[in-house]
PDB file of all heavy atoms in Angstrom:
ATOM      1  N   VAL A   1      15.922  17.684 -10.509  1.00  0.00           N
ATOM      2  CA  VAL A   1      15.570  16.319 -10.919  1.00  0.00           C
ATOM      3  C   VAL A   1      14.176  15.997 -10.518  1.00  0.00           C
ATOM      4  O   VAL A   1      13.339  15.483 -11.325  1.00  0.00           O
ATOM      5  CB  VAL A   1      16.575  15.264 -10.336  1.00  0.00           C
ATOM      6  CG1 VAL A   1      16.073  13.860 -10.568  1.00  0.00           C
ATOM      7  CG2 VAL A   1      17.921  15.398 -11.019  1.00  0.00           C
ATOM      8  N   LEU A   2      13.775  16.308  -9.302  1.00  0.00           N
ATOM      9  CA  LEU A   2      12.400  16.100  -8.843  1.00  0.00           C
ATOM     10  C   LEU A   2      11.379  16.910  -9.615  1.00  0.00           C
ATOM     11  O   LEU A   2      10.295  16.422  -9.940  1.00  0.00           O
ATOM     12  CB  LEU A   2      12.262  16.435  -7.341  1.00  0.00           C
ATOM     13  CG  LEU A   2      13.081  15.485  -6.402  1.00  0.00           C
ATOM     14  CD1 LEU A   2      12.971  16.037  -4.955  1.00  0.00           C
ATOM     15  CD2 LEU A   2      12.642  14.051  -6.464  1.00  0.00           C
ATOM     16  N   ASN A   3      11.787  18.116 -10.016  1.00  0.00           N
ATOM     17  CA  ASN A   3      10.902  18.971 -10.845  1.00  0.00           C
ATOM     18  C   ASN A   3      10.699  18.339 -12.193  1.00  0.00           C
ATOM     19  O   ASN A   3       9.570  18.415 -12.751  1.00  0.00           O
ATOM     20  CB  ASN A   3      11.511  20.371 -10.988  1.00  0.00           C
ATOM     21  CG  ASN A   3      10.478  21.406 -11.418  1.00  0.00           C
ATOM     22  OD1 ASN A   3       9.274  21.190 -11.353  1.00  0.00           O
ATOM     23  ND2 ASN A   3      10.940  22.522 -11.861  1.00  0.00           N
ATOM     24  N   PHE A   4      11.695  17.770 -12.791  1.00  0.00           N
ATOM     25  CA  PHE A   4      11.575  17.041 -14.018  1.00  0.00           C
ATOM     26  C   PHE A   4      10.525  15.946 -13.892  1.00  0.00           C
ATOM     27  O   PHE A   4       9.697  15.722 -14.771  1.00  0.00           O
ATOM     28  CB  PHE A   4      12.903  16.525 -14.454  1.00  0.00           C
ATOM     29  CG  PHE A   4      13.279  16.759 -15.888  1.00  0.00           C
ATOM     30  CD1 PHE A   4      13.721  18.023 -16.275  1.00  0.00           C
ATOM     31  CD2 PHE A   4      13.202  15.790 -16.810  1.00  0.00           C
ATOM     32  CE1 PHE A   4      14.058  18.268 -17.575  1.00  0.00           C
ATOM     33  CE2 PHE A   4      13.537  16.025 -18.129  1.00  0.00           C
ATOM     34  CZ  PHE A   4      13.975  17.297 -18.523  1.00  0.00           C
ATOM     35  N   LEU A   5      10.622  15.207 -12.761  1.00  0.00           N
ATOM     36  CA  LEU A   5       9.696  14.116 -12.549  1.00  0.00           C
ATOM     37  C   LEU A   5       8.269  14.641 -12.225  1.00  0.00           C
ATOM     38  O   LEU A   5       7.295  13.942 -12.557  1.00  0.00           O
ATOM     39  CB  LEU A   5      10.166  13.269 -11.374  1.00  0.00           C
ATOM     40  CG  LEU A   5      11.544  12.628 -11.515  1.00  0.00           C
ATOM     41  CD1 LEU A   5      11.946  11.927 -10.269  1.00  0.00           C
ATOM     42  CD2 LEU A   5      11.536  11.657 -12.725  1.00  0.00           C
ATOM     43  N   LYS A   6       8.165  15.821 -11.716  1.00  0.00           N
ATOM     44  CA  LYS A   6       6.908  16.394 -11.354  1.00  0.00           C
ATOM     45  C   LYS A   6       6.058  16.737 -12.597  1.00  0.00           C
ATOM     46  O   LYS A   6       4.839  16.899 -12.512  1.00  0.00           O
ATOM     47  CB  LYS A   6       7.142  17.663 -10.572  1.00  0.00           C
ATOM     48  CG  LYS A   6       5.999  18.259  -9.809  1.00  0.00           C
ATOM     49  CD  LYS A   6       6.484  19.413  -8.962  1.00  0.00           C
ATOM     50  CE  LYS A   6       5.351  20.098  -8.300  1.00  0.00           C
ATOM     51  NZ  LYS A   6       5.844  21.211  -7.468  1.00  0.00           N
ATOM     52  N   THR A   7       6.666  16.831 -13.822  1.00  0.00           N
ATOM     53  CA  THR A   7       5.948  17.125 -14.984  1.00  0.00           C
ATOM     54  C   THR A   7       4.821  16.128 -15.264  1.00  0.00           C
ATOM     55  O   THR A   7       3.802  16.504 -15.910  1.00  0.00           O
ATOM     56  CB  THR A   7       6.869  17.166 -16.222  1.00  0.00           C
ATOM     57  OG1 THR A   7       7.432  15.858 -16.419  1.00  0.00           O
ATOM     58  CG2 THR A   7       7.879  18.269 -16.143  1.00  0.00           C
ATOM     59  N   GLY A   8       4.946  14.928 -14.812  1.00  0.00           N
ATOM     60  CA  GLY A   8       3.918  13.891 -15.084  1.00  0.00           C
ATOM     61  C   GLY A   8       2.756  13.891 -14.097  1.00  0.00           C
ATOM     62  O   GLY A   8       1.876  13.065 -14.223  1.00  0.00           O
ATOM     63  N   ALA A   9       2.798  14.744 -13.067  1.00  0.00           N
ATOM     64  CA  ALA A   9       1.719  14.787 -12.066  1.00  0.00           C
ATOM     65  C   ALA A   9       0.425  15.124 -12.779  1.00  0.00           C
ATOM     66  O   ALA A   9       0.361  16.053 -13.580  1.00  0.00           O
ATOM     67  CB  ALA A   9       2.026  15.751 -10.912  1.00  0.00           C
ATOM     68  N   ASP A  10      -0.669  14.403 -12.455  1.00  0.00           N
ATOM     69  CA  ASP A  10      -1.957  14.687 -13.128  1.00  0.00           C
ATOM     70  C   ASP A  10      -3.014  14.942 -12.078  1.00  0.00           C
ATOM     71  O   ASP A  10      -2.821  14.813 -10.883  1.00  0.00           O
ATOM     72  CB  ASP A  10      -2.332  13.598 -14.106  1.00  0.00           C
ATOM     73  CG  ASP A  10      -2.597  12.229 -13.470  1.00  0.00           C
ATOM     74  OD1 ASP A  10      -3.150  12.234 -12.317  1.00  0.00           O
ATOM     75  OD2 ASP A  10      -2.320  11.222 -14.074  1.00  0.00           O
ATOM     76  N   THR A  11      -4.170  15.378 -12.567  1.00  0.00           N
ATOM     77  CA  THR A  11      -5.234  15.837 -11.685  1.00  0.00           C
ATOM     78  C   THR A  11      -5.847  14.698 -10.853  1.00  0.00           C
ATOM     79  O   THR A  11      -6.411  14.924  -9.819  1.00  0.00           O
ATOM     80  CB  THR A  11      -6.348  16.524 -12.510  1.00  0.00           C
ATOM     81  OG1 THR A  11      -6.760  15.571 -13.541  1.00  0.00           O
ATOM     82  CG2 THR A  11      -5.919  17.799 -13.104  1.00  0.00           C
ATOM     83  N   SER A  12      -5.580  13.457 -11.284  1.00  0.00           N
ATOM     84  CA  SER A  12      -6.103  12.319 -10.480  1.00  0.00           C
ATOM     85  C   SER A  12      -5.119  11.839  -9.429  1.00  0.00           C
ATOM     86  O   SER A  12      -5.420  10.933  -8.649  1.00  0.00           O
ATOM     87  CB  SER A  12      -6.362  11.120 -11.452  1.00  0.00           C
ATOM     88  OG  SER A  12      -5.118  10.596 -11.915  1.00  0.00           O
ATOM     89  N   GLY A  13      -3.996  12.537  -9.294  1.00  0.00           N
ATOM     90  CA  GLY A  13      -3.056  12.186  -8.268  1.00  0.00           C
ATOM     91  C   GLY A  13      -1.925  11.228  -8.703  1.00  0.00           C
ATOM     92  O   GLY A  13      -0.966  10.973  -8.030  1.00  0.00           O
ATOM     93  N   GLY A  14      -2.045  10.734  -9.936  1.00  0.00           N
ATOM     94  CA  GLY A  14      -0.994   9.879 -10.493  1.00  0.00           C
ATOM     95  C   GLY A  14       0.122  10.640 -11.084  1.00  0.00           C
ATOM     96  O   GLY A  14       0.096  11.880 -11.134  1.00  0.00           O
ATOM     97  N   ASN A  15       1.161   9.930 -11.539  1.00  0.00           N
ATOM     98  CA  ASN A  15       2.318  10.608 -12.180  1.00  0.00           C
ATOM     99  C   ASN A  15       2.978   9.626 -13.090  1.00  0.00           C
ATOM    100  O   ASN A  15       3.781   8.771 -12.687  1.00  0.00           O
ATOM    101  CB  ASN A  15       3.262  11.124 -11.134  1.00  0.00           C
ATOM    102  CG  ASN A  15       4.376  11.968 -11.728  1.00  0.00           C
ATOM    103  OD1 ASN A  15       4.884  11.607 -12.848  1.00  0.00           O
ATOM    104  ND2 ASN A  15       4.881  12.940 -11.078  1.00  0.00           N
ATOM    105  N   SER A  16       2.657   9.735 -14.397  1.00  0.00           N
ATOM    106  CA  SER A  16       3.200   8.771 -15.372  1.00  0.00           C
ATOM    107  C   SER A  16       4.709   8.867 -15.501  1.00  0.00           C
ATOM    108  O   SER A  16       5.409   7.904 -15.701  1.00  0.00           O
ATOM    109  CB  SER A  16       2.495   8.978 -16.719  1.00  0.00           C
ATOM    110  OG  SER A  16       2.783  10.284 -17.185  1.00  0.00           O
ATOM    111  N   VAL A  17       5.256  10.121 -15.404  1.00  0.00           N
ATOM    112  CA  VAL A  17       6.705  10.315 -15.527  1.00  0.00           C
ATOM    113  C   VAL A  17       7.435   9.634 -14.382  1.00  0.00           C
ATOM    114  O   VAL A  17       8.357   8.890 -14.528  1.00  0.00           O
ATOM    115  CB  VAL A  17       7.066  11.802 -15.698  1.00  0.00           C
ATOM    116  CG1 VAL A  17       8.550  12.004 -15.633  1.00  0.00           C
ATOM    117  CG2 VAL A  17       6.505  12.349 -17.037  1.00  0.00           C
ATOM    118  N   LEU A  18       6.960   9.872 -13.146  1.00  0.00           N
ATOM    119  CA  LEU A  18       7.563   9.269 -11.954  1.00  0.00           C
ATOM    120  C   LEU A  18       7.443   7.773 -12.015  1.00  0.00           C
ATOM    121  O   LEU A  18       8.461   7.058 -11.750  1.00  0.00           O
ATOM    122  CB  LEU A  18       6.889   9.838 -10.704  1.00  0.00           C
ATOM    123  CG  LEU A  18       7.375   9.238  -9.423  1.00  0.00           C
ATOM    124  CD1 LEU A  18       8.840   9.514  -9.176  1.00  0.00           C
ATOM    125  CD2 LEU A  18       6.535   9.768  -8.253  1.00  0.00           C
ATOM    126  N   ASN A  19       6.266   7.273 -12.404  1.00  0.00           N
ATOM    127  CA  ASN A  19       6.130   5.754 -12.474  1.00  0.00           C
ATOM    128  C   ASN A  19       7.062   5.174 -13.423  1.00  0.00           C
ATOM    129  O   ASN A  19       7.657   4.140 -13.190  1.00  0.00           O
ATOM    130  CB  ASN A  19       4.692   5.458 -12.786  1.00  0.00           C
ATOM    131  CG  ASN A  19       3.749   5.758 -11.620  1.00  0.00           C
ATOM    132  OD1 ASN A  19       4.159   5.826 -10.487  1.00  0.00           O
ATOM    133  ND2 ASN A  19       2.467   5.928 -11.942  1.00  0.00           N
ATOM    134  N   SER A  20       7.183   5.768 -14.621  1.00  0.00           N
ATOM    135  CA  SER A  20       8.113   5.262 -15.648  1.00  0.00           C
ATOM    136  C   SER A  20       9.537   5.338 -15.153  1.00  0.00           C
ATOM    137  O   SER A  20      10.320   4.363 -15.332  1.00  0.00           O
ATOM    138  CB  SER A  20       7.972   6.127 -16.891  1.00  0.00           C
ATOM    139  OG  SER A  20       8.872   5.710 -17.880  1.00  0.00           O
ATOM    140  N   PHE A  21       9.928   6.431 -14.504  1.00  0.00           N
ATOM    141  CA  PHE A  21      11.259   6.624 -13.958  1.00  0.00           C
ATOM    142  C   PHE A  21      11.586   5.588 -12.896  1.00  0.00           C
ATOM    143  O   PHE A  21      12.648   4.903 -12.930  1.00  0.00           O
ATOM    144  CB  PHE A  21      11.320   8.031 -13.363  1.00  0.00           C
ATOM    145  CG  PHE A  21      12.659   8.397 -12.743  1.00  0.00           C
ATOM    146  CD1 PHE A  21      13.741   8.676 -13.585  1.00  0.00           C
ATOM    147  CD2 PHE A  21      12.797   8.511 -11.416  1.00  0.00           C
ATOM    148  CE1 PHE A  21      14.981   9.074 -13.017  1.00  0.00           C
ATOM    149  CE2 PHE A  21      14.010   8.910 -10.831  1.00  0.00           C
ATOM    150  CZ  PHE A  21      15.100   9.192 -11.656  1.00  0.00           C
ATOM    151  N   LEU A  22      10.624   5.314 -11.994  1.00  0.00           N
ATOM    152  CA  LEU A  22      10.887   4.368 -10.894  1.00  0.00           C
ATOM    153  C   LEU A  22      10.777   2.889 -11.345  1.00  0.00           C
ATOM    154  O   LEU A  22      11.418   1.994 -10.757  1.00  0.00           O
ATOM    155  CB  LEU A  22       9.905   4.567  -9.768  1.00  0.00           C
ATOM    156  CG  LEU A  22      10.068   5.911  -9.052  1.00  0.00           C
ATOM    157  CD1 LEU A  22       9.046   6.036  -7.935  1.00  0.00           C
ATOM    158  CD2 LEU A  22      11.495   6.106  -8.504  1.00  0.00           C
ATOM    159  N   ASP A  23      10.054   2.657 -12.446  1.00  0.00           N
ATOM    160  CA  ASP A  23       9.867   1.274 -12.911  1.00  0.00           C
ATOM    161  C   ASP A  23      10.899   0.924 -14.011  1.00  0.00           C
ATOM    162  O   ASP A  23      10.808  -0.088 -14.606  1.00  0.00           O
ATOM    163  CB  ASP A  23       8.436   1.077 -13.455  1.00  0.00           C
ATOM    164  CG  ASP A  23       7.450   1.093 -12.348  1.00  0.00           C
ATOM    165  OD1 ASP A  23       7.810   0.821 -11.140  1.00  0.00           O
ATOM    166  OD2 ASP A  23       6.283   1.480 -12.579  1.00  0.00           O
ATOM    167  N   ALA A  24      11.915   1.807 -14.192  1.00  0.00           N
ATOM    168  CA  ALA A  24      12.979   1.529 -15.160  1.00  0.00           C
ATOM    169  C   ALA A  24      13.641   0.149 -14.841  1.00  0.00           C
ATOM    170  O   ALA A  24      13.540  -0.334 -13.690  1.00  0.00           O
ATOM    171  CB  ALA A  24      13.967   2.604 -15.208  1.00  0.00           C
ATOM    172  N   ASP A  25      14.326  -0.318 -15.740  1.00  0.00           N
ATOM    173  CA  ASP A  25      14.916  -1.664 -15.621  1.00  0.00           C
ATOM    174  C   ASP A  25      16.062  -1.749 -14.636  1.00  0.00           C
ATOM    175  O   ASP A  25      16.572  -2.866 -14.393  1.00  0.00           O
ATOM    176  CB  ASP A  25      15.341  -2.192 -16.936  1.00  0.00           C
ATOM    177  CG  ASP A  25      16.380  -1.413 -17.653  1.00  0.00           C
ATOM    178  OD1 ASP A  25      17.008  -0.505 -17.009  1.00  0.00           O
ATOM    179  OD2 ASP A  25      16.656  -1.651 -18.839  1.00  0.00           O
ATOM    180  N   GLY A  26      16.489  -0.687 -14.049  1.00  0.00           N
ATOM    181  CA  GLY A  26      17.529  -0.776 -13.014  1.00  0.00           C
ATOM    182  C   GLY A  26      18.905  -1.003 -13.545  1.00  0.00           C
ATOM    183  O   GLY A  26      19.771  -1.380 -12.804  1.00  0.00           O
ATOM    184  N   ASP A  27      19.107  -0.716 -14.860  1.00  0.00           N
ATOM    185  CA  ASP A  27      20.474  -0.928 -15.402  1.00  0.00           C
ATOM    186  C   ASP A  27      21.448   0.236 -15.053  1.00  0.00           C
ATOM    187  O   ASP A  27      22.555   0.231 -15.526  1.00  0.00           O
ATOM    188  CB  ASP A  27      20.362  -1.116 -16.915  1.00  0.00           C
ATOM    189  CG  ASP A  27      19.892   0.150 -17.663  1.00  0.00           C
ATOM    190  OD1 ASP A  27      19.567   1.157 -17.028  1.00  0.00           O
ATOM    191  OD2 ASP A  27      19.827   0.031 -18.902  1.00  0.00           O
ATOM    192  N   GLY A  28      20.950   1.180 -14.272  1.00  0.00           N
ATOM    193  CA  GLY A  28      21.808   2.303 -13.855  1.00  0.00           C
ATOM    194  C   GLY A  28      21.895   3.384 -14.893  1.00  0.00           C
ATOM    195  O   GLY A  28      22.573   4.397 -14.699  1.00  0.00           O
ATOM    196  N   ASP A  29      21.143   3.245 -15.986  1.00  0.00           N
ATOM    197  CA  ASP A  29      21.181   4.270 -17.080  1.00  0.00           C
ATOM    198  C   ASP A  29      19.930   5.088 -17.061  1.00  0.00           C
ATOM    199  O   ASP A  29      18.968   4.793 -17.712  1.00  0.00           O
ATOM    200  CB  ASP A  29      21.304   3.514 -18.417  1.00  0.00           C
ATOM    201  CG  ASP A  29      21.408   4.490 -19.572  1.00  0.00           C
ATOM    202  OD1 ASP A  29      21.860   5.604 -19.375  1.00  0.00           O
ATOM    203  OD2 ASP A  29      21.094   4.103 -20.672  1.00  0.00           O
ATOM    204  N   VAL A  30      20.000   6.155 -16.241  1.00  0.00           N
ATOM    205  CA  VAL A  30      18.881   7.133 -16.207  1.00  0.00           C
ATOM    206  C   VAL A  30      19.243   8.202 -17.178  1.00  0.00           C
ATOM    207  O   VAL A  30      20.238   8.875 -17.062  1.00  0.00           O
ATOM    208  CB  VAL A  30      18.664   7.735 -14.815  1.00  0.00           C
ATOM    209  CG1 VAL A  30      17.604   8.754 -14.778  1.00  0.00           C
ATOM    210  CG2 VAL A  30      18.375   6.572 -13.815  1.00  0.00           C
ATOM    211  N   ASP A  31      18.386   8.359 -18.201  1.00  0.00           N
ATOM    212  CA  ASP A  31      18.713   9.323 -19.249  1.00  0.00           C
ATOM    213  C   ASP A  31      18.206  10.699 -18.893  1.00  0.00           C
ATOM    214  O   ASP A  31      17.690  11.421 -19.785  1.00  0.00           O
ATOM    215  CB  ASP A  31      18.170   8.855 -20.604  1.00  0.00           C
ATOM    216  CG  ASP A  31      16.692   8.571 -20.548  1.00  0.00           C
ATOM    217  OD1 ASP A  31      16.054   8.683 -19.483  1.00  0.00           O
ATOM    218  OD2 ASP A  31      16.140   8.185 -21.618  1.00  0.00           O
ATOM    219  N   MET A  32      18.407  11.166 -17.691  1.00  0.00           N
ATOM    220  CA  MET A  32      17.960  12.476 -17.200  1.00  0.00           C
ATOM    221  C   MET A  32      18.575  13.621 -18.023  1.00  0.00           C
ATOM    222  O   MET A  32      17.910  14.478 -18.475  1.00  0.00           O
ATOM    223  CB  MET A  32      18.300  12.616 -15.739  1.00  0.00           C
ATOM    224  CG  MET A  32      17.719  13.840 -15.057  1.00  0.00           C
ATOM    225  SD  MET A  32      15.957  13.864 -14.911  1.00  0.00           S
ATOM    226  CE  MET A  32      15.609  12.462 -13.831  1.00  0.00           C
ATOM    227  N   PHE A  33      19.868  13.624 -18.198  1.00  0.00           N
ATOM    228  CA  PHE A  33      20.519  14.686 -18.944  1.00  0.00           C
ATOM    229  C   PHE A  33      20.194  14.593 -20.390  1.00  0.00           C
ATOM    230  O   PHE A  33      19.964  15.655 -21.061  1.00  0.00           O
ATOM    231  CB  PHE A  33      22.055  14.660 -18.743  1.00  0.00           C
ATOM    232  CG  PHE A  33      22.716  15.833 -19.396  1.00  0.00           C
ATOM    233  CD1 PHE A  33      22.392  17.145 -19.089  1.00  0.00           C
ATOM    234  CD2 PHE A  33      23.715  15.638 -20.365  1.00  0.00           C
ATOM    235  CE1 PHE A  33      23.034  18.241 -19.674  1.00  0.00           C
ATOM    236  CE2 PHE A  33      24.336  16.752 -21.000  1.00  0.00           C
ATOM    237  CZ  PHE A  33      23.987  18.028 -20.668  1.00  0.00           C
ATOM    238  N   ASP A  34      20.077  13.412 -20.951  1.00  0.00           N
ATOM    239  CA  ASP A  34      19.648  13.254 -22.355  1.00  0.00           C
ATOM    240  C   ASP A  34      18.241  13.875 -22.522  1.00  0.00           C
ATOM    241  O   ASP A  34      17.986  14.561 -23.462  1.00  0.00           O
ATOM    242  CB  ASP A  34      19.635  11.795 -22.784  1.00  0.00           C
ATOM    243  CG  ASP A  34      21.018  11.149 -22.886  1.00  0.00           C
ATOM    244  OD1 ASP A  34      21.984  11.922 -22.934  1.00  0.00           O
ATOM    245  OD2 ASP A  34      21.100   9.921 -22.868  1.00  0.00           O
ATOM    246  N   ALA A  35      17.387  13.596 -21.535  1.00  0.00           N
ATOM    247  CA  ALA A  35      16.031  14.131 -21.615  1.00  0.00           C
ATOM    248  C   ALA A  35      16.110  15.700 -21.537  1.00  0.00           C
ATOM    249  O   ALA A  35      15.339  16.364 -22.290  1.00  0.00           O
ATOM    250  CB  ALA A  35      15.191  13.583 -20.481  1.00  0.00           C
ATOM    251  N   MET A  36      16.997  16.233 -20.794  1.00  0.00           N
ATOM    252  CA  MET A  36      17.128  17.675 -20.677  1.00  0.00           C
ATOM    253  C   MET A  36      17.662  18.232 -22.009  1.00  0.00           C
ATOM    254  O   MET A  36      17.193  19.313 -22.467  1.00  0.00           O
ATOM    255  CB  MET A  36      18.044  18.092 -19.550  1.00  0.00           C
ATOM    256  CG  MET A  36      17.441  18.007 -18.206  1.00  0.00           C
ATOM    257  SD  MET A  36      18.542  18.685 -16.987  1.00  0.00           S
ATOM    258  CE  MET A  36      17.462  18.584 -15.538  1.00  0.00           C
ATOM    259  N   GLN A  37      18.590  17.579 -22.628  1.00  0.00           N
ATOM    260  CA  GLN A  37      19.098  18.029 -23.910  1.00  0.00           C
ATOM    261  C   GLN A  37      18.011  17.992 -24.962  1.00  0.00           C
ATOM    262  O   GLN A  37      17.931  18.934 -25.753  1.00  0.00           O
ATOM    263  CB  GLN A  37      20.330  17.169 -24.354  1.00  0.00           C
ATOM    264  CG  GLN A  37      21.552  17.470 -23.506  1.00  0.00           C
ATOM    265  CD  GLN A  37      22.716  16.635 -23.953  1.00  0.00           C
ATOM    266  OE1 GLN A  37      22.623  15.441 -24.112  1.00  0.00           O
ATOM    267  NE2 GLN A  37      23.888  17.274 -24.108  1.00  0.00           N
ATOM    268  N   LEU A  38      17.247  16.916 -24.981  1.00  0.00           N
ATOM    269  CA  LEU A  38      16.119  16.836 -25.929  1.00  0.00           C
ATOM    270  C   LEU A  38      15.074  17.905 -25.680  1.00  0.00           C
ATOM    271  O   LEU A  38      14.543  18.504 -26.616  1.00  0.00           O
ATOM    272  CB  LEU A  38      15.491  15.459 -25.884  1.00  0.00           C
ATOM    273  CG  LEU A  38      16.402  14.308 -26.479  1.00  0.00           C
ATOM    274  CD1 LEU A  38      15.755  12.949 -26.105  1.00  0.00           C
ATOM    275  CD2 LEU A  38      16.510  14.466 -27.946  1.00  0.00           C
ATOM    276  N   ALA A  39      14.832  18.173 -24.419  1.00  0.00           N
ATOM    277  CA  ALA A  39      13.872  19.251 -24.064  1.00  0.00           C
ATOM    278  C   ALA A  39      14.380  20.578 -24.549  1.00  0.00           C
ATOM    279  O   ALA A  39      13.657  21.391 -25.088  1.00  0.00           O
ATOM    280  CB  ALA A  39      13.617  19.279 -22.558  1.00  0.00           C
ATOM    281  N   SER A  40      15.677  20.810 -24.388  1.00  0.00           N
ATOM    282  CA  SER A  40      16.266  22.059 -24.817  1.00  0.00           C
ATOM    283  C   SER A  40      16.108  22.225 -26.332  1.00  0.00           C
ATOM    284  O   SER A  40      15.725  23.276 -26.824  1.00  0.00           O
ATOM    285  CB  SER A  40      17.738  22.062 -24.451  1.00  0.00           C
ATOM    286  OG  SER A  40      18.389  23.250 -24.916  1.00  0.00           O
ATOM    287  N   ARG A  41      16.350  21.166 -27.085  1.00  0.00           N
ATOM    288  CA  ARG A  41      16.184  21.215 -28.516  1.00  0.00           C
ATOM    289  C   ARG A  41      14.680  21.393 -28.916  1.00  0.00           C
ATOM    290  O   ARG A  41      14.361  22.184 -29.816  1.00  0.00           O
ATOM    291  CB  ARG A  41      16.732  19.915 -29.191  1.00  0.00           C
ATOM    292  CG  ARG A  41      18.205  20.008 -29.366  1.00  0.00           C
ATOM    293  CD  ARG A  41      18.724  18.820 -30.166  1.00  0.00           C
ATOM    294  NE  ARG A  41      19.661  18.206 -29.218  1.00  0.00           N
ATOM    295  CZ  ARG A  41      19.928  16.908 -29.128  1.00  0.00           C
ATOM    296  NH1 ARG A  41      19.394  16.052 -29.936  1.00  0.00           N
ATOM    297  NH2 ARG A  41      20.768  16.494 -28.231  1.00  0.00           N
ATOM    298  N   HIS A  42      13.842  20.754 -28.163  1.00  0.00           N
ATOM    299  CA  HIS A  42      12.405  20.846 -28.403  1.00  0.00           C
ATOM    300  C   HIS A  42      11.958  22.297 -28.190  1.00  0.00           C
ATOM    301  O   HIS A  42      11.071  22.804 -28.900  1.00  0.00           O
ATOM    302  CB  HIS A  42      11.638  19.917 -27.487  1.00  0.00           C
ATOM    303  CG  HIS A  42      10.176  19.963 -27.650  1.00  0.00           C
ATOM    304  ND1 HIS A  42       9.488  19.465 -28.757  1.00  0.00           N
ATOM    305  CD2 HIS A  42       9.211  20.515 -26.870  1.00  0.00           C
ATOM    306  CE1 HIS A  42       8.205  19.685 -28.601  1.00  0.00           C
ATOM    307  NE2 HIS A  42       8.009  20.298 -27.483  1.00  0.00           N
ATOM    308  N   LEU A  43      12.531  22.952 -27.187  1.00  0.00           N
ATOM    309  CA  LEU A  43      12.158  24.372 -26.903  1.00  0.00           C
ATOM    310  C   LEU A  43      12.957  25.345 -27.732  1.00  0.00           C
ATOM    311  O   LEU A  43      12.878  26.535 -27.497  1.00  0.00           O
ATOM    312  CB  LEU A  43      12.327  24.627 -25.385  1.00  0.00           C
ATOM    313  CG  LEU A  43      11.482  23.847 -24.450  1.00  0.00           C
ATOM    314  CD1 LEU A  43      11.868  24.107 -23.015  1.00  0.00           C
ATOM    315  CD2 LEU A  43       9.972  24.145 -24.684  1.00  0.00           C
ATOM    316  N   SER A  44      13.879  24.815 -28.578  1.00  0.00           N
ATOM    317  CA  SER A  44      14.750  25.685 -29.398  1.00  0.00           C
ATOM    318  C   SER A  44      15.616  26.556 -28.573  1.00  0.00           C
ATOM    319  O   SER A  44      15.715  27.779 -28.797  1.00  0.00           O
ATOM    320  CB  SER A  44      13.947  26.481 -30.394  1.00  0.00           C
ATOM    321  OG  SER A  44      13.211  25.616 -31.226  1.00  0.00           O
ATOM    322  N   ARG A  45      16.299  25.984 -27.558  1.00  0.00           N
ATOM    323  CA  ARG A  45      17.190  26.744 -26.697  1.00  0.00           C
ATOM    324  C   ARG A  45      18.603  26.418 -26.959  1.00  0.00           C
ATOM    325  O   ARG A  45      19.049  25.370 -27.087  1.00  0.00           O
ATOM    326  CB  ARG A  45      16.833  26.544 -25.232  1.00  0.00           C
ATOM    327  CG  ARG A  45      15.556  27.140 -24.855  1.00  0.00           C
ATOM    328  CD  ARG A  45      15.308  26.908 -23.396  1.00  0.00           C
ATOM    329  NE  ARG A  45      14.166  27.680 -23.009  1.00  0.00           N
ATOM    330  CZ  ARG A  45      14.194  28.395 -21.902  1.00  0.00           C
ATOM    331  NH1 ARG A  45      15.194  28.496 -21.116  1.00  0.00           N
ATOM    332  NH2 ARG A  45      13.117  29.108 -21.603  1.00  0.00           N
TER     333      ARG A  45
END
């Protein structure tokens, strides 16, 4: 899960993926597995 969040780390020290993940609306719906499934389709796996 942390590695998935690490994808957004940039050369300036920020991390857009982590910031988006942490600033989510708090409804308890983290679409982590959905994101993995979409990544799998994107990579044709």
